[in-house]
Amino acid sequence: MKLRFVITGGPGGGKTTLLDALAARGYRVMPEVARRIIKGRLAAGLAPRPDPVCFARAILNSDMQQYQAATAHDDITFFDRGVPDALYMLDLESAITEGEAAELIQRFSYNDRVFLLPPWEAIYGTDTERDQTFEESVAVFEGIKRWYSRWGYDTVEVPRAGVEARVSFILKALGHPRRDSVSMVAAPRSY
């Protein structure tokens, strides 16, 4: 079983909170790189995002590095978005061919089950790194869902519920991995 799991969806669906809760339980997590890139740009006095293609390529490069880092471990790793998310951004901009996307999808493969956090207006908010509207979040969610399905992933929608219920849902979907059979080490959060 591939031990690399993607948690994805539109902006503001609760991914970071969910991943923080998984990390608190001892699971290895990889943070979303887009926020790190945006924070770095803001700190340098730049616009939050470069043009969409440059932004997607920067995310893709960082996502590939995170993926490679996770292969050094034999334990479950949860990713706040994955390589396919950046490829989706490039596809939207017609900046990658289907062949290039297919090669990267195959090379950077995750567990077949991808967890999608649906748009949730009750918890949605903007901040310095998230400036999309709720409607844009819904559009991203629908596009990401189609994109992962297109590449053969089984997309599992995580219910809108409290964070502990969401954690339980994911762990149950994984068959409740036993803590003593899996090394549980949280990766440092590098925002």
N, C-alpha and C. Protein backbone atom coordinates (compact mmCIF):
# COMPACT_ATOMS: atom_id res chain seq x y z
N MET A 1 0.84 -1.19 0.00
CA MET A 1 0.00 0.00 0.00
C MET A 1 0.88 1.24 0.00
N LYS A 2 0.60 2.16 -0.89
CA LYS A 2 1.32 3.43 -0.90
C LYS A 2 0.94 4.20 0.35
N LEU A 3 1.92 4.71 1.05
CA LEU A 3 1.68 5.37 2.34
C LEU A 3 1.66 6.89 2.23
N ARG A 4 1.61 7.42 1.00
CA ARG A 4 1.54 8.87 0.79
C ARG A 4 0.10 9.22 0.42
N PHE A 5 -0.55 9.99 1.28
CA PHE A 5 -1.96 10.34 1.11
C PHE A 5 -2.12 11.84 0.89
N VAL A 6 -2.91 12.20 -0.10
CA VAL A 6 -3.19 13.60 -0.39
C VAL A 6 -4.51 14.00 0.27
N ILE A 7 -4.47 15.15 0.92
CA ILE A 7 -5.68 15.82 1.41
C ILE A 7 -5.76 17.12 0.62
N THR A 8 -6.83 17.29 -0.13
CA THR A 8 -6.93 18.43 -1.03
C THR A 8 -8.35 18.97 -1.07
N GLY A 9 -8.57 19.96 -1.91
CA GLY A 9 -9.87 20.59 -2.06
C GLY A 9 -9.67 22.06 -2.37
N GLY A 10 -10.74 22.82 -2.31
CA GLY A 10 -10.64 24.26 -2.55
C GLY A 10 -10.01 24.96 -1.35
N PRO A 11 -9.61 26.22 -1.53
CA PRO A 11 -9.08 26.99 -0.42
C PRO A 11 -10.11 27.13 0.70
N GLY A 12 -9.65 27.10 1.94
CA GLY A 12 -10.51 27.39 3.08
C GLY A 12 -11.42 26.27 3.51
N GLY A 13 -11.14 25.03 3.11
CA GLY A 13 -11.99 23.90 3.48
C GLY A 13 -11.59 23.23 4.78
N GLY A 14 -10.48 23.68 5.39
CA GLY A 14 -10.05 23.11 6.66
C GLY A 14 -8.88 22.15 6.56
N LYS A 15 -8.16 22.16 5.44
CA LYS A 15 -7.05 21.23 5.24
C LYS A 15 -5.95 21.42 6.28
N THR A 16 -5.53 22.65 6.47
CA THR A 16 -4.42 22.91 7.40
C THR A 16 -4.80 22.50 8.82
N THR A 17 -6.01 22.82 9.25
CA THR A 17 -6.46 22.43 10.58
C THR A 17 -6.49 20.92 10.73
N LEU A 18 -6.98 20.24 9.72
CA LEU A 18 -7.03 18.78 9.73
C LEU A 18 -5.62 18.19 9.79
N LEU A 19 -4.72 18.71 8.99
CA LEU A 19 -3.35 18.21 9.00
C LEU A 19 -2.65 18.50 10.32
N ASP A 20 -2.93 19.64 10.92
CA ASP A 20 -2.37 19.93 12.24
C ASP A 20 -2.85 18.90 13.26
N ALA A 21 -4.12 18.50 13.17
CA ALA A 21 -4.67 17.50 14.09
C ALA A 21 -4.03 16.13 13.85
N LEU A 22 -3.79 15.79 12.59
CA LEU A 22 -3.10 14.52 12.30
C LEU A 22 -1.67 14.55 12.82
N ALA A 23 -0.99 15.69 12.66
CA ALA A 23 0.37 15.83 13.18
C ALA A 23 0.38 15.71 14.70
N ALA A 24 -0.62 16.29 15.36
CA ALA A 24 -0.71 16.20 16.82
C ALA A 24 -0.89 14.75 17.28
N ARG A 25 -1.45 13.92 16.41
CA ARG A 25 -1.60 12.49 16.73
C ARG A 25 -0.34 11.71 16.37
N GLY A 26 0.68 12.39 15.87
CA GLY A 26 1.94 11.74 15.58
C GLY A 26 2.16 11.35 14.13
N TYR A 27 1.26 11.71 13.25
CA TYR A 27 1.43 11.37 11.84
C TYR A 27 2.34 12.40 11.16
N ARG A 28 3.08 11.92 10.19
CA ARG A 28 3.94 12.79 9.38
C ARG A 28 3.05 13.57 8.42
N VAL A 29 3.25 14.89 8.36
CA VAL A 29 2.47 15.73 7.45
C VAL A 29 3.42 16.64 6.67
N MET A 30 3.00 16.96 5.47
CA MET A 30 3.73 17.89 4.61
C MET A 30 2.82 19.08 4.34
N PRO A 31 3.24 20.28 4.73
CA PRO A 31 2.38 21.46 4.59
C PRO A 31 2.21 21.90 3.15
N GLU A 32 1.17 22.68 2.93
CA GLU A 32 0.91 23.25 1.61
C GLU A 32 2.01 24.24 1.28
N VAL A 33 2.63 24.10 0.13
CA VAL A 33 3.75 24.97 -0.24
C VAL A 33 3.30 26.33 -0.76
N ALA A 34 2.09 26.43 -1.29
CA ALA A 34 1.64 27.71 -1.84
C ALA A 34 1.65 28.79 -0.77
N ARG A 35 1.21 28.46 0.44
CA ARG A 35 1.21 29.45 1.53
C ARG A 35 2.63 29.92 1.84
N ARG A 36 3.58 28.98 1.84
CA ARG A 36 4.97 29.34 2.12
C ARG A 36 5.50 30.29 1.04
N ILE A 37 5.18 29.99 -0.20
CA ILE A 37 5.64 30.84 -1.31
C ILE A 37 5.02 32.24 -1.19
N ILE A 38 3.73 32.30 -0.92
CA ILE A 38 3.06 33.59 -0.79
C ILE A 38 3.63 34.38 0.38
N LYS A 39 3.83 33.73 1.53
CA LYS A 39 4.42 34.43 2.69
C LYS A 39 5.79 34.99 2.36
N GLY A 40 6.60 34.20 1.66
CA GLY A 40 7.93 34.66 1.28
C GLY A 40 7.88 35.86 0.35
N ARG A 41 6.96 35.84 -0.59
CA ARG A 41 6.81 36.96 -1.52
C ARG A 41 6.35 38.21 -0.77
N LEU A 42 5.38 38.06 0.12
CA LEU A 42 4.89 39.22 0.89
C LEU A 42 6.00 39.80 1.76
N ALA A 43 6.78 38.92 2.38
CA ALA A 43 7.89 39.38 3.23
C ALA A 43 8.94 40.14 2.42
N ALA A 44 9.06 39.80 1.14
CA ALA A 44 10.02 40.48 0.27
C ALA A 44 9.42 41.72 -0.38
N GLY A 45 8.17 42.08 -0.02
CA GLY A 45 7.52 43.25 -0.57
C GLY A 45 6.97 43.05 -1.98
N LEU A 46 6.79 41.80 -2.37
CA LEU A 46 6.27 41.49 -3.70
C LEU A 46 4.77 41.22 -3.64
N ALA A 47 4.16 41.15 -4.81
CA ALA A 47 2.76 40.75 -4.89
C ALA A 47 2.66 39.31 -4.37
N PRO A 48 1.51 38.94 -3.81
CA PRO A 48 1.39 37.60 -3.23
C PRO A 48 1.74 36.46 -4.20
N ARG A 49 1.34 36.62 -5.45
CA ARG A 49 1.58 35.57 -6.43
C ARG A 49 2.23 36.16 -7.68
N PRO A 50 3.17 35.41 -8.26
CA PRO A 50 3.65 35.82 -9.58
C PRO A 50 2.57 35.43 -10.60
N ASP A 51 2.87 35.53 -11.87
CA ASP A 51 1.87 35.12 -12.86
C ASP A 51 1.51 33.64 -12.61
N PRO A 52 0.31 33.22 -13.01
CA PRO A 52 -0.18 31.88 -12.66
C PRO A 52 0.75 30.73 -13.07
N VAL A 53 1.40 30.83 -14.22
CA VAL A 53 2.27 29.75 -14.67
C VAL A 53 3.51 29.67 -13.78
N CYS A 54 4.13 30.81 -13.49
CA CYS A 54 5.31 30.82 -12.61
C CYS A 54 4.95 30.32 -11.22
N PHE A 55 3.79 30.74 -10.73
CA PHE A 55 3.33 30.31 -9.41
C PHE A 55 3.12 28.79 -9.40
N ALA A 56 2.46 28.26 -10.40
CA ALA A 56 2.20 26.82 -10.46
C ALA A 56 3.51 26.03 -10.58
N ARG A 57 4.45 26.55 -11.35
CA ARG A 57 5.74 25.86 -11.48
C ARG A 57 6.53 25.87 -10.17
N ALA A 58 6.48 26.99 -9.45
CA ALA A 58 7.15 27.05 -8.14
C ALA A 58 6.52 26.06 -7.17
N ILE A 59 5.20 25.97 -7.18
CA ILE A 59 4.51 25.01 -6.32
C ILE A 59 4.88 23.59 -6.74
N LEU A 60 4.87 23.32 -8.04
CA LEU A 60 5.20 21.98 -8.53
C LEU A 60 6.60 21.57 -8.08
N ASN A 61 7.58 22.45 -8.24
CA ASN A 61 8.95 22.12 -7.83
C ASN A 61 9.01 21.80 -6.34
N SER A 62 8.35 22.60 -5.52
CA SER A 62 8.36 22.35 -4.07
C SER A 62 7.60 21.07 -3.73
N ASP A 63 6.48 20.82 -4.41
CA ASP A 63 5.72 19.59 -4.16
C ASP A 63 6.54 18.35 -4.51
N MET A 64 7.29 18.42 -5.60
CA MET A 64 8.13 17.28 -5.98
C MET A 64 9.22 17.05 -4.94
N GLN A 65 9.79 18.14 -4.40
CA GLN A 65 10.80 18.00 -3.35
C GLN A 65 10.20 17.38 -2.09
N GLN A 66 9.00 17.82 -1.71
CA GLN A 66 8.34 17.23 -0.55
C GLN A 66 8.09 15.74 -0.77
N TYR A 67 7.63 15.39 -1.93
CA TYR A 67 7.36 13.99 -2.26
C TYR A 67 8.64 13.16 -2.10
N GLN A 68 9.73 13.66 -2.67
CA GLN A 68 11.01 12.95 -2.56
C GLN A 68 11.43 12.79 -1.10
N ALA A 69 11.25 13.83 -0.32
CA ALA A 69 11.61 13.76 1.11
C ALA A 69 10.79 12.69 1.82
N ALA A 70 9.53 12.55 1.44
CA ALA A 70 8.65 11.57 2.09
C ALA A 70 9.03 10.14 1.73
N THR A 71 9.67 9.93 0.58
CA THR A 71 10.02 8.57 0.18
C THR A 71 11.14 8.01 1.04
N ALA A 72 11.80 8.84 1.80
CA ALA A 72 12.87 8.37 2.69
C ALA A 72 12.31 7.71 3.95
N HIS A 73 10.99 7.73 4.12
CA HIS A 73 10.36 7.19 5.33
C HIS A 73 9.38 6.08 4.96
N ASP A 74 9.27 5.12 5.83
CA ASP A 74 8.37 3.99 5.61
C ASP A 74 7.10 4.12 6.42
N ASP A 75 6.67 5.33 6.67
CA ASP A 75 5.45 5.52 7.46
C ASP A 75 4.45 6.35 6.66
N ILE A 76 3.26 6.43 7.17
CA ILE A 76 2.20 7.21 6.52
C ILE A 76 2.59 8.68 6.51
N THR A 77 2.40 9.31 5.37
CA THR A 77 2.61 10.75 5.24
C THR A 77 1.36 11.34 4.59
N PHE A 78 0.85 12.40 5.21
CA PHE A 78 -0.29 13.13 4.66
C PHE A 78 0.23 14.42 4.04
N PHE A 79 -0.20 14.71 2.84
CA PHE A 79 0.22 15.91 2.11
C PHE A 79 -0.94 16.90 2.02
N ASP A 80 -0.65 18.15 2.33
CA ASP A 80 -1.61 19.24 2.11
C ASP A 80 -1.45 19.63 0.64
N ARG A 81 -2.23 18.98 -0.19
CA ARG A 81 -2.15 19.04 -1.65
C ARG A 81 -0.98 18.19 -2.13
N GLY A 82 -1.00 17.83 -3.40
CA GLY A 82 0.05 17.00 -3.97
C GLY A 82 0.47 17.51 -5.32
N VAL A 83 1.41 16.82 -5.92
CA VAL A 83 1.91 17.17 -7.25
C VAL A 83 0.76 17.35 -8.25
N PRO A 84 -0.27 16.47 -8.24
CA PRO A 84 -1.36 16.67 -9.20
C PRO A 84 -2.07 18.03 -9.07
N ASP A 85 -2.11 18.61 -7.87
CA ASP A 85 -2.74 19.93 -7.71
C ASP A 85 -2.00 20.98 -8.54
N ALA A 86 -0.67 20.97 -8.49
CA ALA A 86 0.12 21.94 -9.27
C ALA A 86 -0.04 21.67 -10.76
N LEU A 87 -0.11 20.39 -11.13
CA LEU A 87 -0.31 20.05 -12.53
C LEU A 87 -1.67 20.55 -13.02
N TYR A 88 -2.66 20.49 -12.15
CA TYR A 88 -3.99 21.02 -12.48
C TYR A 88 -3.90 22.52 -12.78
N MET A 89 -3.15 23.25 -11.94
CA MET A 89 -2.98 24.68 -12.16
C MET A 89 -2.32 24.94 -13.52
N LEU A 90 -1.30 24.15 -13.85
CA LEU A 90 -0.63 24.32 -15.14
C LEU A 90 -1.56 23.97 -16.29
N ASP A 91 -2.38 22.94 -16.11
CA ASP A 91 -3.33 22.56 -17.14
C ASP A 91 -4.35 23.68 -17.39
N LEU A 92 -4.81 24.32 -16.33
CA LEU A 92 -5.76 25.42 -16.48
C LEU A 92 -5.18 26.55 -17.34
N GLU A 93 -3.87 26.71 -17.26
CA GLU A 93 -3.20 27.78 -18.01
C GLU A 93 -2.66 27.28 -19.36
N SER A 94 -3.00 26.03 -19.72
CA SER A 94 -2.48 25.42 -20.96
C SER A 94 -0.96 25.48 -21.01
N ALA A 95 -0.32 25.26 -19.85
CA ALA A 95 1.13 25.37 -19.74
C ALA A 95 1.81 24.02 -19.58
N ILE A 96 1.06 22.93 -19.82
CA ILE A 96 1.64 21.59 -19.75
C ILE A 96 0.85 20.72 -20.72
N THR A 97 1.57 19.82 -21.39
CA THR A 97 0.88 18.90 -22.29
C THR A 97 0.31 17.73 -21.49
N GLU A 98 -0.63 17.04 -22.10
CA GLU A 98 -1.20 15.86 -21.42
C GLU A 98 -0.12 14.81 -21.18
N GLY A 99 0.80 14.65 -22.13
CA GLY A 99 1.89 13.69 -21.97
C GLY A 99 2.81 14.05 -20.81
N GLU A 100 3.14 15.35 -20.68
CA GLU A 100 3.98 15.78 -19.56
C GLU A 100 3.28 15.55 -18.23
N ALA A 101 1.99 15.89 -18.18
CA ALA A 101 1.22 15.67 -16.95
C ALA A 101 1.17 14.20 -16.62
N ALA A 102 0.90 13.36 -17.60
CA ALA A 102 0.81 11.91 -17.37
C ALA A 102 2.12 11.35 -16.83
N GLU A 103 3.24 11.82 -17.38
CA GLU A 103 4.55 11.33 -16.92
C GLU A 103 4.78 11.71 -15.45
N LEU A 104 4.44 12.94 -15.09
CA LEU A 104 4.64 13.38 -13.71
C LEU A 104 3.65 12.72 -12.76
N ILE A 105 2.42 12.50 -13.21
CA ILE A 105 1.42 11.80 -12.39
C ILE A 105 1.93 10.39 -12.07
N GLN A 106 2.50 9.74 -13.06
CA GLN A 106 3.02 8.38 -12.84
C GLN A 106 4.25 8.39 -11.95
N ARG A 107 5.14 9.33 -12.17
CA ARG A 107 6.39 9.40 -11.41
C ARG A 107 6.16 9.79 -9.96
N PHE A 108 5.19 10.65 -9.72
CA PHE A 108 4.90 11.12 -8.36
C PHE A 108 3.51 10.62 -7.97
N SER A 109 3.41 9.31 -7.78
CA SER A 109 2.11 8.72 -7.47
C SER A 109 1.89 8.64 -5.96
N TYR A 110 0.65 8.84 -5.59
CA TYR A 110 0.22 8.79 -4.20
C TYR A 110 -0.70 7.59 -4.03
N ASN A 111 -1.15 7.37 -2.82
CA ASN A 111 -2.14 6.33 -2.60
C ASN A 111 -3.33 6.62 -3.50
N ASP A 112 -3.98 5.57 -3.99
CA ASP A 112 -5.11 5.73 -4.90
C ASP A 112 -6.27 6.48 -4.27
N ARG A 113 -6.35 6.50 -2.96
CA ARG A 113 -7.44 7.20 -2.26
C ARG A 113 -6.98 8.61 -1.91
N VAL A 114 -7.68 9.59 -2.45
CA VAL A 114 -7.39 11.01 -2.20
C VAL A 114 -8.55 11.58 -1.40
N PHE A 115 -8.23 12.26 -0.31
CA PHE A 115 -9.26 12.84 0.55
C PHE A 115 -9.52 14.29 0.15
N LEU A 116 -10.79 14.57 -0.17
CA LEU A 116 -11.21 15.91 -0.60
C LEU A 116 -12.02 16.58 0.49
N LEU A 117 -11.61 17.79 0.87
CA LEU A 117 -12.39 18.58 1.81
C LEU A 117 -13.26 19.53 1.02
N PRO A 118 -14.58 19.37 1.14
CA PRO A 118 -15.49 20.19 0.33
C PRO A 118 -15.53 21.63 0.83
N PRO A 119 -15.94 22.54 -0.04
CA PRO A 119 -16.12 23.93 0.39
C PRO A 119 -17.11 23.97 1.56
N TRP A 120 -16.81 24.82 2.52
CA TRP A 120 -17.63 24.90 3.72
C TRP A 120 -17.73 26.37 4.12
N GLU A 121 -18.81 26.99 3.72
CA GLU A 121 -18.96 28.43 3.90
C GLU A 121 -18.90 28.84 5.36
N ALA A 122 -19.36 28.00 6.27
CA ALA A 122 -19.38 28.33 7.70
C ALA A 122 -17.97 28.55 8.27
N ILE A 123 -16.96 27.91 7.69
CA ILE A 123 -15.60 28.07 8.21
C ILE A 123 -14.71 28.85 7.26
N TYR A 124 -15.24 29.23 6.10
CA TYR A 124 -14.43 29.89 5.08
C TYR A 124 -14.04 31.30 5.52
N GLY A 125 -12.82 31.66 5.27
CA GLY A 125 -12.35 33.01 5.55
C GLY A 125 -11.14 33.33 4.70
N THR A 126 -10.89 34.59 4.50
CA THR A 126 -9.70 35.00 3.75
C THR A 126 -8.65 35.49 4.73
N ASP A 127 -7.42 35.53 4.26
CA ASP A 127 -6.32 36.06 5.06
C ASP A 127 -5.26 36.56 4.08
N THR A 128 -4.06 36.83 4.57
CA THR A 128 -3.04 37.40 3.69
C THR A 128 -2.57 36.42 2.61
N GLU A 129 -2.73 35.12 2.84
CA GLU A 129 -2.34 34.14 1.83
C GLU A 129 -3.53 33.57 1.05
N ARG A 130 -4.73 33.75 1.56
CA ARG A 130 -5.92 33.22 0.88
C ARG A 130 -6.84 34.39 0.56
N ASP A 131 -6.83 34.78 -0.71
CA ASP A 131 -7.65 35.93 -1.11
C ASP A 131 -8.77 35.55 -2.08
N GLN A 132 -8.97 34.26 -2.30
CA GLN A 132 -10.04 33.83 -3.20
C GLN A 132 -11.40 33.97 -2.52
N THR A 133 -12.42 34.17 -3.33
CA THR A 133 -13.78 34.21 -2.81
C THR A 133 -14.25 32.78 -2.53
N PHE A 134 -15.35 32.66 -1.79
CA PHE A 134 -15.91 31.34 -1.54
C PHE A 134 -16.32 30.69 -2.86
N GLU A 135 -16.86 31.45 -3.78
CA GLU A 135 -17.26 30.91 -5.07
C GLU A 135 -16.06 30.36 -5.83
N GLU A 136 -14.93 31.05 -5.75
CA GLU A 136 -13.71 30.55 -6.38
C GLU A 136 -13.25 29.25 -5.71
N SER A 137 -13.42 29.17 -4.40
CA SER A 137 -13.07 27.94 -3.68
C SER A 137 -13.90 26.77 -4.18
N VAL A 138 -15.20 27.00 -4.39
CA VAL A 138 -16.08 25.95 -4.91
C VAL A 138 -15.60 25.50 -6.29
N ALA A 139 -15.25 26.44 -7.15
CA ALA A 139 -14.78 26.11 -8.50
C ALA A 139 -13.48 25.30 -8.44
N VAL A 140 -12.56 25.68 -7.56
CA VAL A 140 -11.31 24.93 -7.41
C VAL A 140 -11.61 23.51 -6.94
N PHE A 141 -12.48 23.38 -5.94
CA PHE A 141 -12.85 22.05 -5.43
C PHE A 141 -13.37 21.16 -6.55
N GLU A 142 -14.31 21.67 -7.33
CA GLU A 142 -14.91 20.87 -8.41
C GLU A 142 -13.85 20.50 -9.46
N GLY A 143 -12.98 21.45 -9.80
CA GLY A 143 -11.94 21.17 -10.77
C GLY A 143 -10.93 20.15 -10.28
N ILE A 144 -10.50 20.29 -9.03
CA ILE A 144 -9.55 19.34 -8.44
C ILE A 144 -10.15 17.94 -8.37
N LYS A 145 -11.42 17.86 -8.01
CA LYS A 145 -12.10 16.56 -7.93
C LYS A 145 -12.09 15.88 -9.31
N ARG A 146 -12.45 16.62 -10.34
CA ARG A 146 -12.44 16.06 -11.71
C ARG A 146 -11.02 15.66 -12.12
N TRP A 147 -10.05 16.52 -11.79
CA TRP A 147 -8.67 16.28 -12.19
C TRP A 147 -8.13 14.99 -11.58
N TYR A 148 -8.30 14.81 -10.28
CA TYR A 148 -7.80 13.58 -9.64
C TYR A 148 -8.52 12.36 -10.20
N SER A 149 -9.82 12.46 -10.41
CA SER A 149 -10.58 11.34 -10.98
C SER A 149 -10.08 11.00 -12.37
N ARG A 150 -9.77 12.02 -13.14
CA ARG A 150 -9.27 11.83 -14.51
C ARG A 150 -8.03 10.93 -14.53
N TRP A 151 -7.19 11.03 -13.50
CA TRP A 151 -5.95 10.28 -13.43
C TRP A 151 -6.09 8.99 -12.64
N GLY A 152 -7.33 8.56 -12.37
CA GLY A 152 -7.56 7.26 -11.76
C GLY A 152 -7.59 7.22 -10.25
N TYR A 153 -7.55 8.38 -9.62
CA TYR A 153 -7.61 8.40 -8.16
C TYR A 153 -9.06 8.24 -7.69
N ASP A 154 -9.22 7.57 -6.55
CA ASP A 154 -10.51 7.41 -5.90
C ASP A 154 -10.68 8.59 -4.95
N THR A 155 -11.52 9.53 -5.31
CA THR A 155 -11.70 10.72 -4.48
C THR A 155 -12.76 10.45 -3.42
N VAL A 156 -12.37 10.67 -2.18
CA VAL A 156 -13.25 10.43 -1.03
C VAL A 156 -13.52 11.79 -0.38
N GLU A 157 -14.78 12.19 -0.38
CA GLU A 157 -15.14 13.47 0.22
C GLU A 157 -15.25 13.32 1.74
N VAL A 158 -14.48 14.13 2.44
CA VAL A 158 -14.49 14.13 3.90
C VAL A 158 -15.68 14.97 4.35
N PRO A 159 -16.52 14.44 5.24
CA PRO A 159 -17.72 15.19 5.65
C PRO A 159 -17.38 16.52 6.33
N ARG A 160 -18.27 17.47 6.18
CA ARG A 160 -18.17 18.72 6.91
C ARG A 160 -18.52 18.39 8.36
N ALA A 161 -17.53 18.42 9.21
CA ALA A 161 -17.70 18.07 10.62
C ALA A 161 -16.54 18.65 11.39
N GLY A 162 -16.59 18.54 12.70
CA GLY A 162 -15.48 19.00 13.53
C GLY A 162 -14.19 18.29 13.17
N VAL A 163 -13.09 18.88 13.55
CA VAL A 163 -11.79 18.35 13.15
C VAL A 163 -11.58 16.91 13.65
N GLU A 164 -11.97 16.61 14.88
CA GLU A 164 -11.76 15.25 15.38
C GLU A 164 -12.60 14.23 14.61
N ALA A 165 -13.81 14.62 14.21
CA ALA A 165 -14.63 13.72 13.41
C ALA A 165 -14.00 13.50 12.04
N ARG A 166 -13.38 14.54 11.49
CA ARG A 166 -12.72 14.40 10.20
C ARG A 166 -11.49 13.49 10.31
N VAL A 167 -10.71 13.68 11.38
CA VAL A 167 -9.55 12.81 11.60
C VAL A 167 -10.02 11.37 11.71
N SER A 168 -11.05 11.13 12.50
CA SER A 168 -11.58 9.76 12.68
C SER A 168 -12.06 9.18 11.36
N PHE A 169 -12.72 10.00 10.55
CA PHE A 169 -13.20 9.55 9.24
C PHE A 169 -12.03 9.06 8.38
N ILE A 170 -10.97 9.85 8.33
CA ILE A 170 -9.81 9.50 7.51
C ILE A 170 -9.13 8.24 8.05
N LEU A 171 -8.91 8.19 9.34
CA LEU A 171 -8.24 7.02 9.91
C LEU A 171 -9.09 5.76 9.73
N LYS A 172 -10.40 5.88 9.85
CA LYS A 172 -11.28 4.74 9.61
C LYS A 172 -11.18 4.29 8.15
N ALA A 173 -11.14 5.25 7.23
CA ALA A 173 -11.01 4.93 5.81
C ALA A 173 -9.69 4.21 5.51
N LEU A 174 -8.69 4.46 6.35
CA LEU A 174 -7.39 3.80 6.17
C LEU A 174 -7.33 2.47 6.91
N GLY A 175 -8.40 2.11 7.61
CA GLY A 175 -8.41 0.86 8.36
C GLY A 175 -7.77 0.98 9.73
N HIS A 176 -7.83 2.18 10.31
CA HIS A 176 -7.23 2.42 11.64
C HIS A 176 -5.82 1.87 11.74
N PRO A 177 -4.85 2.48 11.07
CA PRO A 177 -3.48 1.98 11.19
C PRO A 177 -3.07 1.93 12.65
N ARG A 178 -2.45 0.83 13.02
CA ARG A 178 -2.04 0.66 14.42
C ARG A 178 -0.81 1.50 14.70
N ARG A 179 -0.82 2.20 15.80
CA ARG A 179 0.31 3.06 16.15
C ARG A 179 1.60 2.28 16.34
N ASP A 180 1.52 1.06 16.82
CA ASP A 180 2.74 0.31 17.06
C ASP A 180 3.30 -0.33 15.79
N SER A 181 2.55 -0.32 14.70
CA SER A 181 3.05 -0.92 13.47
C SER A 181 3.54 0.13 12.47
N VAL A 182 3.33 1.39 12.80
CA VAL A 182 3.73 2.46 11.89
C VAL A 182 4.51 3.48 12.69
N SER A 183 5.68 3.84 12.20
CA SER A 183 6.47 4.88 12.86
C SER A 183 5.76 6.21 12.69
N MET A 184 5.47 6.89 13.77
CA MET A 184 4.73 8.14 13.70
C MET A 184 5.64 9.30 14.09
N VAL A 185 6.08 10.04 13.11
CA VAL A 185 6.94 11.19 13.35
C VAL A 185 6.38 12.36 12.57
N ALA A 186 6.15 13.47 13.24
CA ALA A 186 5.62 14.65 12.56
C ALA A 186 6.75 15.42 11.90
N ALA A 187 6.60 15.73 10.64
CA ALA A 187 7.57 16.55 9.94
C ALA A 187 7.46 17.99 10.45
N PRO A 188 8.57 18.70 10.51
CA PRO A 188 8.48 20.08 10.95
C PRO A 188 7.64 20.91 9.99
N ARG A 189 6.84 21.79 10.53
CA ARG A 189 6.02 22.70 9.72
C ARG A 189 6.91 23.87 9.35
N SER A 190 7.12 24.09 8.08
CA SER A 190 8.08 25.11 7.66
C SER A 190 7.40 26.26 6.93
N TYR A 191 6.54 26.96 7.63
CA TYR A 191 5.88 28.12 7.01
C TYR A 191 6.75 29.32 7.17
